[in-house]
Protein backbone atom coordinates (compact mmCIF):
# COMPACT_ATOMS: atom_id res chain seq x y z
CA MET A 1 -10.24 -38.10 9.09
CA THR A 2 -8.46 -34.74 8.97
CA SER A 3 -11.36 -32.94 7.36
CA TYR A 4 -14.02 -34.44 9.72
CA PRO A 5 -13.89 -31.72 12.47
CA LEU A 6 -13.70 -28.91 9.93
CA LYS A 7 -16.71 -30.15 8.01
CA LEU A 8 -18.70 -30.61 11.21
CA ILE A 9 -17.78 -27.11 12.38
CA ALA A 10 -18.74 -25.64 9.02
CA VAL A 11 -22.15 -27.38 9.20
CA LEU A 12 -22.73 -26.04 12.71
CA LEU A 13 -21.77 -22.49 11.72
CA ALA A 14 -24.10 -22.66 8.73
CA THR A 15 -26.88 -23.89 11.03
CA ILE A 16 -26.36 -20.96 13.38
CA LEU A 17 -26.47 -18.40 10.57
CA ALA A 18 -29.25 -19.94 8.42
CA PRO A 19 -32.55 -17.99 8.72
CA GLN A 20 -35.66 -19.96 9.54
CA TYR A 21 -37.80 -18.28 6.90
CA ALA A 22 -40.66 -20.77 6.82
CA THR A 23 -41.24 -20.71 10.57
CA ALA A 24 -40.47 -17.05 11.25
CA ALA A 25 -42.95 -15.82 8.66
CA LYS A 26 -45.84 -17.08 10.83
CA LEU A 27 -44.61 -15.86 14.24
CA THR A 28 -44.72 -12.60 16.12
CA VAL A 29 -41.55 -10.67 16.94
CA GLU A 30 -41.62 -11.92 20.56
CA GLN A 31 -42.07 -15.52 19.43
CA ARG A 32 -39.22 -15.17 16.94
CA LEU A 33 -36.90 -13.85 19.65
CA GLU A 34 -37.83 -16.69 21.98
CA LEU A 35 -37.24 -19.23 19.22
CA LEU A 36 -33.87 -17.66 18.35
CA GLU A 37 -32.80 -17.73 22.01
CA LYS A 38 -33.66 -21.45 22.24
CA GLU A 39 -31.82 -22.20 19.01
CA LEU A 40 -28.78 -20.20 20.15
CA ALA A 41 -28.64 -22.12 23.44
CA SER A 42 -28.95 -25.41 21.55
CA ASN A 43 -26.29 -24.43 19.06
CA LYS A 44 -23.91 -23.33 21.84
CA GLN A 45 -24.32 -26.74 23.45
CA ALA A 46 -23.70 -28.47 20.13
CA LEU A 47 -20.62 -26.33 19.48
CA GLN A 48 -19.25 -27.16 22.92
CA GLN A 49 -19.76 -30.87 22.27
CA THR A 50 -18.05 -30.54 18.88
CA ARG A 51 -15.09 -28.80 20.46
CA ALA A 52 -14.78 -31.63 22.97
CA GLU A 53 -14.85 -34.18 20.15
CA PHE A 54 -12.27 -32.13 18.27
CA VAL A 55 -9.95 -32.15 21.33
CA ALA A 56 -10.39 -35.87 21.78
CA TYR A 57 -9.63 -36.49 18.11
CA LYS A 58 -6.56 -34.24 18.27
CA GLN A 59 -5.23 -36.01 21.37
CA ARG A 60 -5.74 -39.45 19.84
CA THR A 61 -3.89 -38.34 16.70
CA GLU A 62 -0.97 -36.97 18.72
CA GLN A 63 -0.77 -40.20 20.75
CA GLN A 64 -0.72 -42.29 17.56
CA GLN A 65 2.04 -40.12 16.08
CA ALA A 66 4.08 -40.36 19.28
CA ALA A 67 3.65 -44.14 19.36
CA ALA A 68 4.85 -44.42 15.77
CA SER A 69 8.01 -42.36 16.35
CA SER A 70 9.07 -43.51 19.82
CA ALA A 71 8.40 -46.11 22.44
CA PRO A 72 4.85 -47.47 22.62
CA VAL A 73 2.46 -45.49 24.77
CA SER A 74 0.46 -47.45 27.33
CA PRO A 75 -3.18 -47.42 26.30
CA GLN A 76 -5.75 -45.96 28.61
CA PRO A 77 -8.14 -48.34 30.31
CA ALA A 78 -11.42 -48.90 28.53
CA SER A 79 -13.26 -47.54 31.57
CA SER A 80 -11.44 -44.17 31.26
CA PRO A 81 -12.33 -42.61 27.89
CA VAL A 82 -10.71 -39.34 26.83
CA THR A 83 -13.09 -36.60 27.95
CA PRO A 84 -11.01 -33.46 28.45
CA ASP A 85 -12.11 -30.62 30.69
CA ILE A 86 -13.43 -28.01 28.24
CA SER A 87 -12.68 -25.10 30.57
CA ASN A 88 -9.14 -26.07 31.52
CA SER A 89 -7.63 -28.22 28.75
CA ARG A 90 -4.51 -26.67 27.21
CA ASN A 91 -5.29 -28.47 23.92
CA GLN A 92 -8.73 -26.91 23.61
CA PRO A 93 -9.04 -25.04 20.26
CA THR A 94 -10.03 -21.42 20.59
CA LEU A 95 -12.62 -19.72 18.43
CA LYS A 96 -9.73 -17.86 16.76
CA GLU A 97 -8.12 -21.19 15.80
CA ILE A 98 -11.41 -22.55 14.51
CA SER A 99 -11.92 -19.37 12.48
CA GLN A 100 -8.44 -19.73 10.98
CA TYR A 101 -9.09 -23.40 10.11
CA VAL A 102 -12.29 -22.44 8.30
CA LYS A 103 -10.56 -19.52 6.52
CA ASP A 104 -7.72 -21.77 5.34
CA ASP A 105 -10.19 -24.39 4.14
CA ILE A 106 -12.22 -21.82 2.19
CA GLY A 107 -9.08 -20.09 0.83
CA PHE A 108 -10.57 -16.57 0.91
CA THR A 109 -8.87 -13.51 2.42
CA TYR A 110 -10.01 -9.91 2.66
CA SER A 111 -7.56 -7.16 3.56
CA GLY A 112 -7.33 -3.43 3.16
CA TYR A 113 -6.18 0.01 4.22
CA PHE A 114 -7.76 3.39 4.83
CA ARG A 115 -7.13 6.75 6.41
CA SER A 116 -9.82 9.24 7.37
CA GLY A 117 -10.49 11.98 9.90
CA TRP A 118 -11.74 15.42 10.81
CA GLY A 119 -9.91 18.74 10.56
CA THR A 120 -10.56 22.46 10.50
CA SER A 121 -8.44 25.58 10.11
CA SER A 122 -8.36 28.98 11.76
CA ASN A 123 -9.51 30.52 8.46
CA GLY A 124 -12.08 28.39 6.62
CA SER A 125 -11.60 24.96 5.12
CA PRO A 126 -8.21 23.32 5.74
CA LYS A 127 -6.03 22.86 2.66
CA SER A 128 -3.19 20.45 1.91
CA TYR A 129 0.01 21.86 0.46
CA ALA A 130 3.14 20.06 -0.83
CA ILE A 131 2.54 16.85 1.12
CA GLY A 132 5.37 15.27 -0.88
CA SER A 133 7.85 17.81 0.48
CA LEU A 134 6.54 18.83 3.92
CA GLY A 135 5.18 15.53 5.23
CA ARG A 136 1.79 13.98 5.86
CA PHE A 137 0.83 14.62 9.49
CA GLY A 138 -1.73 17.42 9.72
CA ASN A 139 -1.52 17.89 5.94
CA GLU A 140 -4.03 15.33 4.58
CA TYR A 141 -7.74 16.07 4.15
CA SER A 142 -9.05 13.15 2.12
CA SER A 143 -10.14 9.59 2.92
CA TRP A 144 -8.08 7.17 0.87
CA PHE A 145 -8.76 3.42 0.86
CA ASP A 146 -7.48 0.14 -0.65
CA LEU A 147 -9.41 -3.14 -0.61
CA TRP A 148 -7.95 -6.54 -1.56
CA LEU A 149 -10.05 -9.64 -2.28
CA LYS A 150 -8.19 -12.93 -2.74
CA GLN A 151 -9.66 -16.34 -3.46
CA ARG A 152 -7.64 -19.53 -3.76
CA VAL A 153 -8.97 -21.43 -6.75
CA TYR A 154 -6.54 -24.36 -6.84
CA ASN A 155 -4.16 -26.03 -4.36
CA GLU A 156 -3.04 -29.53 -5.24
CA ASN A 157 0.13 -31.44 -6.10
CA GLY A 158 2.43 -28.61 -5.06
CA LYS A 159 0.65 -26.11 -7.30
CA SER A 160 -1.63 -23.27 -6.25
CA ALA A 161 -3.54 -20.43 -7.89
CA GLN A 162 -5.23 -17.33 -6.48
CA ALA A 163 -7.63 -14.85 -8.08
CA VAL A 164 -6.96 -11.31 -6.82
CA ILE A 165 -8.97 -8.08 -7.13
CA GLN A 166 -7.91 -4.74 -5.67
CA LEU A 167 -10.08 -1.66 -5.46
CA ASP A 168 -8.84 1.71 -4.31
CA GLY A 169 -10.01 5.27 -4.30
CA ASN A 170 -10.89 8.34 -2.31
CA VAL A 171 -13.93 9.49 -0.34
CA GLY A 172 -14.10 13.25 0.17
CA GLN A 173 -14.31 14.69 3.66
CA GLN A 174 -15.74 18.08 2.69
CA TYR A 175 -19.42 17.19 2.13
CA SER A 176 -21.81 14.75 3.74
CA SER A 177 -22.57 12.94 0.49
CA GLY A 178 -20.08 10.46 -0.90
CA TRP A 179 -21.48 9.48 -4.28
CA PHE A 180 -18.98 8.21 -6.81
CA GLY A 181 -19.04 9.88 -10.19
CA GLU A 182 -17.03 10.92 -13.22
CA ASN A 183 -17.50 14.71 -13.14
CA SER A 184 -14.38 16.77 -12.55
CA GLY A 185 -15.71 18.40 -9.40
CA ASN A 186 -16.36 15.11 -7.61
CA GLU A 187 -13.55 14.06 -5.27
CA ASN A 188 -15.12 10.62 -4.67
CA ILE A 189 -13.30 8.21 -6.97
CA LEU A 190 -13.05 4.43 -7.28
CA GLN A 191 -10.99 2.19 -9.53
CA PHE A 192 -10.08 -1.45 -10.06
CA SER A 193 -6.32 -1.20 -9.79
CA ASP A 194 -5.63 -4.96 -9.83
CA ILE A 195 -7.43 -7.87 -11.49
CA TYR A 196 -5.10 -10.84 -11.97
CA LEU A 197 -4.40 -14.53 -11.42
CA THR A 198 -1.26 -15.46 -9.51
CA THR A 199 0.16 -18.98 -9.37
CA LYS A 200 2.93 -20.92 -7.67
CA GLY A 201 4.55 -24.19 -8.77
CA PHE A 202 3.63 -23.98 -12.45
CA LEU A 203 7.01 -22.81 -13.77
CA PRO A 204 9.24 -25.91 -14.12
CA PHE A 205 12.44 -23.81 -13.98
CA ALA A 206 11.29 -21.87 -10.89
CA PRO A 207 8.63 -23.77 -8.91
CA GLU A 208 9.10 -21.44 -5.92
CA ALA A 209 8.31 -18.30 -7.92
CA ASP A 210 5.00 -16.46 -8.27
CA PHE A 211 3.80 -16.25 -11.87
CA TRP A 212 0.93 -13.85 -12.56
CA VAL A 213 -1.14 -12.68 -15.53
CA GLY A 214 -3.64 -9.80 -15.62
CA LYS A 215 -3.86 -6.17 -14.53
CA HIS A 216 -1.11 -5.89 -11.95
CA HIS A 217 2.40 -4.53 -11.35
CA LEU A 218 5.52 -5.35 -9.40
CA PRO A 219 5.54 -3.88 -5.86
CA ASN A 220 5.99 -0.12 -5.53
CA TYR A 221 8.46 1.37 -3.05
CA GLU A 222 6.99 4.24 -1.09
CA ILE A 223 8.55 7.06 0.88
CA GLN A 224 5.86 6.74 3.50
CA MET A 225 6.30 10.09 5.24
CA LEU A 226 6.04 11.94 1.90
CA ASP A 227 3.26 9.82 0.36
CA TRP A 228 4.88 9.21 -3.04
CA LYS A 229 6.62 6.28 -4.63
CA GLY A 230 10.39 6.36 -4.93
CA TYR A 231 10.18 3.51 -7.45
CA ARG A 232 6.91 2.85 -9.22
CA GLN A 233 5.39 0.71 -11.92
CA ASP A 234 1.85 1.73 -12.79
CA SER A 235 -0.70 -1.07 -12.79
CA GLY A 236 -1.70 -2.32 -16.22
CA ALA A 237 -2.41 -5.47 -18.21
CA GLY A 238 0.70 -7.57 -18.00
CA VAL A 239 2.59 -10.70 -17.09
CA GLY A 240 5.21 -11.11 -14.40
CA ILE A 241 7.41 -13.35 -12.29
CA GLU A 242 8.21 -12.58 -8.65
CA ASN A 243 10.34 -14.19 -5.94
CA MET A 244 12.44 -16.25 -8.35
CA GLN A 245 15.55 -17.47 -6.55
CA LEU A 246 18.68 -16.51 -8.50
CA GLY A 247 21.98 -16.86 -6.68
CA PRO A 248 21.95 -14.99 -3.37
CA GLY A 249 19.01 -12.74 -4.28
CA LEU A 250 15.49 -12.78 -5.74
CA LEU A 251 14.58 -11.86 -9.31
CA ASP A 252 11.35 -10.05 -10.30
CA MET A 253 10.38 -9.31 -13.92
CA SER A 254 7.30 -7.91 -15.62
CA LEU A 255 6.02 -6.70 -18.99
CA THR A 256 3.20 -4.19 -18.50
CA ARG A 257 0.98 -2.18 -20.81
CA GLU A 258 0.26 1.43 -19.86
CA ASP A 259 -1.37 3.41 -22.67
CA LEU A 260 -1.26 7.21 -22.44
CA ASP A 261 -3.43 9.95 -23.92
CA VAL A 262 -1.03 12.22 -25.82
CA TYR A 263 -2.12 15.85 -26.27
CA ASN A 264 -1.97 17.92 -29.40
CA ARG A 265 -0.10 21.23 -29.34
CA ASP A 266 -3.03 23.40 -28.27
CA LEU A 267 -4.22 20.86 -25.65
CA THR A 268 -7.67 20.48 -27.25
CA ALA A 269 -7.48 16.82 -28.32
CA THR A 270 -5.66 13.59 -27.45
CA THR A 271 -4.69 10.36 -29.14
CA GLN A 272 -4.42 7.03 -27.32
CA MET A 273 -0.87 5.76 -27.68
CA ASN A 274 0.10 2.22 -26.82
CA THR A 275 3.06 1.99 -24.44
CA ASN A 276 4.73 -0.95 -22.71
CA SER A 277 7.21 -1.13 -19.85
CA ILE A 278 9.83 -3.74 -19.03
CA ASP A 279 10.66 -3.86 -15.31
CA ILE A 280 13.55 -6.00 -13.97
CA ARG A 281 14.66 -6.17 -10.33
CA TYR A 282 17.30 -8.13 -8.47
CA ARG A 283 16.62 -7.65 -4.78
CA ASP A 284 17.44 -8.65 -1.22
CA ILE A 285 21.07 -9.41 -2.06
CA PRO A 286 22.76 -10.01 1.33
CA LEU A 287 25.88 -7.92 1.97
CA TRP A 288 26.59 -8.17 5.70
CA GLU A 289 24.60 -8.69 8.88
CA GLY A 290 21.36 -6.78 8.47
CA GLY A 291 22.47 -5.22 5.18
CA SER A 292 21.01 -5.94 1.72
CA LEU A 293 21.12 -4.44 -1.76
CA THR A 294 18.35 -4.10 -4.37
CA LEU A 295 18.91 -3.16 -8.02
CA MET A 296 15.98 -2.07 -10.23
CA GLY A 297 15.56 -0.88 -13.78
CA LYS A 298 12.61 0.04 -16.01
CA TYR A 299 12.34 0.96 -19.68
CA ALA A 300 9.10 2.38 -21.11
CA MET A 301 8.56 2.49 -24.87
CA ALA A 302 5.84 3.65 -27.25
CA ASN A 303 4.21 1.50 -29.94
CA LYS A 304 3.02 4.19 -32.38
CA THR A 305 0.68 3.94 -35.33
CA ASP A 306 1.61 5.43 -38.70
CA THR A 307 -0.87 8.27 -38.11
CA GLN A 308 0.68 9.08 -34.74
CA LYS A 309 4.15 9.17 -36.31
CA GLU A 310 2.86 11.60 -38.95
CA ASN A 311 1.29 13.79 -36.24
CA GLU A 312 4.65 14.01 -34.51
CA ASP A 313 6.50 14.70 -37.76
CA ASN A 314 4.21 17.60 -38.69
CA ASN A 315 4.44 18.91 -35.10
CA SER A 316 0.69 18.84 -34.48
CA TYR A 317 1.04 16.52 -31.44
CA TYR A 318 3.65 16.22 -28.73
CA ALA A 319 6.22 13.49 -29.37
CA LEU A 320 6.19 10.67 -26.82
CA LYS A 321 9.76 9.59 -26.14
CA ASP A 322 10.99 6.37 -24.58
CA ALA A 323 12.29 6.74 -21.03
CA TRP A 324 14.31 4.75 -18.52
CA LEU A 325 14.64 4.62 -14.73
CA ALA A 326 17.52 3.00 -12.78
CA SER A 327 17.71 2.55 -9.03
CA ALA A 328 20.02 1.05 -6.39
CA SER A 329 18.88 0.77 -2.77
CA LEU A 330 20.87 -0.20 0.31
CA ARG A 331 18.83 -1.29 3.32
CA GLN A 332 20.24 -1.68 6.82
CA ALA A 333 18.29 -3.32 9.63
CA LEU A 334 18.63 -1.59 13.00
CA SER A 335 17.84 -2.66 16.55
CA ARG A 336 14.22 -3.20 17.63
CA LYS A 337 13.08 -3.68 14.02
CA GLY A 338 14.24 -0.21 13.03
CA PHE A 339 15.75 0.31 9.57
CA ASN A 340 17.25 2.79 7.17
CA GLU A 341 17.20 2.82 3.35
CA LEU A 342 19.59 4.80 1.16
CA THR A 343 18.60 4.95 -2.54
CA LEU A 344 20.26 6.42 -5.63
CA GLN A 345 18.22 6.94 -8.82
CA GLY A 346 18.63 8.25 -12.34
CA ALA A 347 16.13 8.84 -15.14
CA ASN A 348 15.64 10.65 -18.45
CA ASN A 349 12.89 12.31 -20.50
CA SER A 350 9.42 12.35 -18.93
CA ILE A 351 10.41 10.24 -15.92
CA ALA A 352 13.10 12.83 -15.16
CA SER A 353 10.39 15.51 -15.52
CA ASN A 354 8.46 13.93 -12.68
CA PHE A 355 11.60 14.09 -10.53
CA SER A 356 11.30 17.88 -10.87
CA ASN A 357 7.82 18.17 -9.31
CA TYR A 358 8.04 20.17 -6.10
CA SER A 359 5.59 17.93 -4.24
CA GLU A 360 4.48 14.55 -5.59
CA ALA A 361 7.47 13.10 -7.44
CA ASN A 362 6.36 9.65 -8.60
CA PRO A 363 8.67 8.35 -11.38
CA SER A 364 5.92 7.90 -13.99
CA LEU A 365 6.02 8.15 -17.78
CA GLY A 366 3.02 10.50 -17.91
CA VAL A 367 0.90 12.64 -15.59
CA ASN A 368 -2.30 10.92 -14.41
CA GLY A 369 -2.59 9.03 -17.70
CA TYR A 370 -1.73 12.01 -19.95
CA TYR A 371 1.43 13.01 -21.83
CA TYR A 372 2.40 16.47 -22.99
CA GLY A 373 5.42 18.75 -23.22
CA ASP A 374 8.60 18.99 -25.31
CA HIS A 375 10.70 16.43 -23.48
CA THR A 376 14.36 16.48 -24.35
CA ASN A 377 17.01 13.89 -23.64
CA GLY A 378 17.73 15.62 -20.36
CA THR A 379 18.48 13.57 -17.27
CA ALA A 380 17.89 13.84 -13.55
CA PHE A 381 19.08 12.00 -10.48
CA ARG A 382 18.14 11.93 -6.83
CA ALA A 383 19.31 10.43 -3.56
CA TYR A 384 16.97 9.76 -0.68
CA SER A 385 17.11 8.25 2.75
CA GLN A 386 14.24 7.06 4.91
CA GLY A 387 13.71 4.94 8.00
CA GLU A 388 13.13 4.92 11.72
CA MET A 389 15.36 4.29 14.73
CA TYR A 390 15.09 4.05 18.50
CA LEU A 391 17.32 6.74 20.02
CA SER A 392 16.58 5.39 23.50
CA ASP A 393 14.02 3.25 25.28
CA ARG A 394 11.62 6.20 25.26
CA ILE A 395 12.50 8.06 22.05
CA ILE A 396 11.89 6.94 18.47
CA MET A 397 12.42 9.00 15.31
CA ALA A 398 11.33 8.53 11.70
CA ASN A 399 12.95 10.51 8.89
CA ALA A 400 12.90 11.18 5.15
CA LEU A 401 15.52 13.20 3.24
CA VAL A 402 15.48 13.73 -0.56
CA TYR A 403 17.99 15.60 -2.75
CA SER A 404 17.16 15.93 -6.45
CA ARG A 405 18.84 17.61 -9.41
CA GLY A 406 18.29 17.67 -13.18
CA SER A 407 19.39 19.47 -16.31
CA ASP A 408 17.72 20.19 -19.64
CA VAL A 409 14.42 18.54 -18.67
CA TYR A 410 10.83 19.53 -19.37
CA SER A 411 9.32 20.90 -16.14
CA TYR A 412 5.55 20.95 -15.70
CA GLN A 413 6.01 24.21 -13.76
CA SER A 414 8.78 26.04 -15.67
CA GLY A 415 8.66 24.58 -19.20
CA ALA A 416 11.16 22.99 -21.58
CA HIS A 417 14.94 23.01 -21.15
CA SER A 418 14.74 23.63 -17.40
CA ASP A 419 17.35 22.89 -14.77
CA PHE A 420 16.28 22.23 -11.19
CA GLU A 421 17.66 21.49 -7.74
CA SER A 422 15.66 20.60 -4.64
CA LEU A 423 16.08 19.48 -1.05
CA ARG A 424 13.26 18.24 1.15
CA THR A 425 13.48 16.86 4.67
CA VAL A 426 10.99 15.61 7.26
CA VAL A 427 11.75 14.29 10.76
CA ARG A 428 9.28 12.88 13.25
CA PRO A 429 10.66 12.29 16.77
CA ALA A 430 8.25 10.96 19.40
CA TRP A 431 8.22 10.22 23.11
CA ILE A 432 7.02 6.70 23.95
CA TRP A 433 4.76 6.80 27.02
CA ASP A 434 3.87 3.13 26.66
CA GLN A 435 2.89 0.63 23.96
CA PHE A 436 -0.35 2.50 23.28
CA ASN A 437 0.61 6.19 23.57
CA GLN A 438 3.12 8.49 21.85
CA THR A 439 3.57 12.25 21.72
CA GLY A 440 5.71 13.78 19.01
CA VAL A 441 6.32 16.43 16.40
CA GLU A 442 6.68 16.27 12.64
CA LEU A 443 8.95 18.98 11.24
CA GLY A 444 9.17 19.50 7.49
CA TRP A 445 11.06 21.94 5.27
CA PHE A 446 11.89 22.09 1.58
CA THR A 447 13.34 24.38 -1.04
CA GLN A 448 13.46 24.07 -4.84
CA THR A 449 14.85 26.32 -7.55
CA ASN A 450 14.10 25.91 -11.26
CA LYS A 451 16.19 27.71 -13.86
CA THR A 452 14.15 28.38 -17.01
CA GLN A 453 15.34 28.36 -20.61
CA ASN A 454 15.81 32.15 -20.57
CA GLY A 455 17.89 32.03 -17.37
CA THR A 456 15.22 33.09 -14.84
CA ASN A 457 15.27 31.41 -11.42
CA LEU A 458 11.92 30.37 -9.92
CA LYS A 459 11.84 29.31 -6.26
CA GLU A 460 9.40 27.30 -4.13
CA SER A 461 9.89 26.77 -0.38
CA ALA A 462 7.91 26.30 2.84
CA TRP A 463 8.03 24.77 6.31
CA LYS A 464 5.58 22.87 8.50
CA SER A 465 5.36 22.00 12.19
CA THR A 466 2.89 19.46 13.60
CA LEU A 467 2.44 18.60 17.28
CA TYR A 468 0.52 15.34 17.79
CA HIS A 469 -0.48 12.65 20.24
CA ALA A 470 -1.19 9.15 18.94
CA PHE A 471 -3.14 6.20 20.29
CA LYS A 472 -1.28 3.14 18.94
CA VAL A 473 -0.95 -0.62 19.24
CA ASP A 474 2.87 -0.74 19.11
CA THR A 475 5.83 1.64 19.38
CA SER A 476 6.92 1.67 15.71
CA ILE A 477 6.05 4.89 13.88
CA LEU A 478 6.08 3.52 10.32
CA ASN A 479 5.11 -0.13 10.82
CA SER A 480 2.33 -0.27 13.40
CA ARG A 481 -1.35 0.35 12.75
CA PRO A 482 -4.14 1.05 13.66
CA GLU A 483 -3.31 4.55 14.89
CA ILE A 484 -5.40 7.57 15.90
CA ARG A 485 -3.67 10.98 15.88
CA PHE A 486 -4.74 14.26 17.47
CA TYR A 487 -2.78 17.11 15.91
CA GLY A 488 -2.22 20.82 15.53
CA THR A 489 -0.34 22.00 12.41
CA TYR A 490 1.14 25.26 11.21
CA ILE A 491 2.31 25.67 7.58
CA HIS A 492 4.15 28.74 6.37
CA LEU A 493 4.73 29.30 2.66
CA LEU A 494 7.99 31.14 1.99
CA ASP A 495 8.17 31.19 -1.84
CA ASN A 496 5.54 30.19 -4.41
CA GLU A 497 7.03 31.11 -7.79
CA LEU A 498 6.45 27.60 -9.17
CA SER A 499 3.00 26.83 -7.75
CA ARG A 500 1.51 30.33 -7.37
CA TYR A 501 -0.29 28.72 -4.40
CA SER A 502 -1.88 30.53 -1.45
CA PHE A 503 -4.24 29.58 1.33
CA ALA A 504 -7.67 31.14 1.93
CA ASP A 505 -7.84 34.93 1.51
CA GLU A 506 -4.47 34.91 -0.28
CA LYS A 507 -2.67 34.13 2.98
CA ASN A 508 0.74 32.47 3.01
CA ASP A 509 0.12 30.45 6.20
CA GLN A 510 -2.45 28.17 7.79
CA PHE A 511 -3.11 26.72 11.25
CA THR A 512 -5.21 23.56 11.56
CA VAL A 513 -6.34 21.13 14.24
CA GLY A 514 -7.85 17.71 13.75
CA VAL A 515 -7.85 13.98 14.37
CA GLN A 516 -7.03 11.24 11.88
CA ALA A 517 -7.33 7.44 11.93
CA GLU A 518 -5.16 5.13 9.84
CA VAL A 519 -5.46 1.34 9.72
CA TRP A 520 -4.54 -1.68 7.65
CA TRP A 521 -5.77 -5.23 8.14
C-alpha cells in the first residue's frame, strides 16, 4: 500500500516525459505542438486526480493509525466520501514533496560546487598572487568545480550501500575555448578524485559507522578564506571507517595509497615510489557548552623497491623520507551559528616543508604528485584561528590568522637546511543591509622570512584591500551560498625575495574590478 502512490506518480511522470516518436514522425510542427498541448492538459488533469487520491489515502492511513493508538474515531457516513479540496487542503502534497519522494525511492543524488566570474585589471590581464596569504576575494581568476554523483545500491535489513563518484577540475577564464587536455599550457583540467563504495550497518562491532573502500580520503579541513587545507589527506585507493562512536567522541581511520614520482638529482627523470598513509582522528569530543575538541594524526611511509634503495644509496635520486603530521583543534560555537576554531599543528620532513610555502600551505607529502629535495629531520609547527562572528545585528566579520615557524627544513624557495617564520592575517567585516545584501571589505597582509643555510635572510610580504558588495541568500559569510560579489581590489607587493614575482610590466601592484559567483548545491 505504501508504494502505490509513488509507483503511480512515477508512471505518470514517465508518461509526461516519454516522446511519441511513432506519431510525431508523421506530423507537421504545428500538429505536434497541438498534440503536445492536448497531452499536457490531459496529464495535468491526471496528475491532479492522482494527488487527490494520494491525499485521500494519506488521510485514511492517519485515521487508522489514530484509531489504533487512541479512542475509536467515528466513521464518516457512506454518503460523504473523503474528497479533499485540492486548492485548500493542508494535507495536499506539494510538487517539492512528490519530487523528494521520487528521489528517495530512486536513491540518486547529484550535488556540486563551482565558482566563476569576470575580472579585468588596470594594466592587462588580472593576476592572482599569494591567495593563501592575502585572501580570496578579488584574487581568484579561475573557474573551479566539484561534482558528486551518489547512487544507493542497497537498503535493506538495516544495511545500506552507496556508490559515489566525484569529479573536480578547473575551467580557464582567459580564453573562449574550454577544451580539456594534457598539455602543460592548458588550464582546463578534470580528474576523478573519488570513486568508492560506502556502506552502513555491515560492521558488527560498529553498525552505526560508515565503512568505505575505493579511491577516497577522510574529510579535509579547509581554511576557507585562504583556500588551502589546514589538515589534508590526499585522495587515493584505500579503505576507511568514519563516524564510529567511541566514548564521547567519533573515531575515523583510513589506510590510503598515494604514490609519488621521485626525481633524480638533475631533475631529468622520475621513479614511481609506492607510499601509504595511516590517518587516525578522534573528533567532536564535547568539552563544555558549544565547545569541542578534535585530535588528528597522520603518518606517511614509503614502500621502496631494491632498485630505489640503491638509487638513494648512490645519491642518484632524492631520498623519500617518512613524515608525520599531528593536529589538535578546539572549536567553539558562537551565537547565531557563528564559530571559531583554534588549531595547533606540528610536522616533520616534507610535510614541514609545505608549511614553509608562502602561499598555498597544504600539509602534503609531495608537491602535486612529485617529490624532490634534500629533506632533513627538521620540524615545523603552526597555529591558526578561523571563524566568523556577529559583532551586532548589522555587522558580521570573518577572519583567518596563521602563524608558522620551522627550523632545519627543506624549503622549495630557499633550499635545504632553511629556517622560516611567517604571519598571515585576513579579516572580512561586512554590513548587513538585509538577508540578501551585504557590503564589506576584505583586508589581507602577510610577511615571511626564510633564513638560508649560509645565513642569508629572504623576505616575502604584501597587502591587499578588496571592497565588495554581495547578493546573498543568508547573512553568514562562510556558510551561505549562492553568492554573487561585485568587487574592486588593490594588491601591493612589498617584498618578493622568495617568489621573484611581479605583475604586468614588472609592476609591484595591481588594481582589478570584477564580479564572481559561488554556489554549492
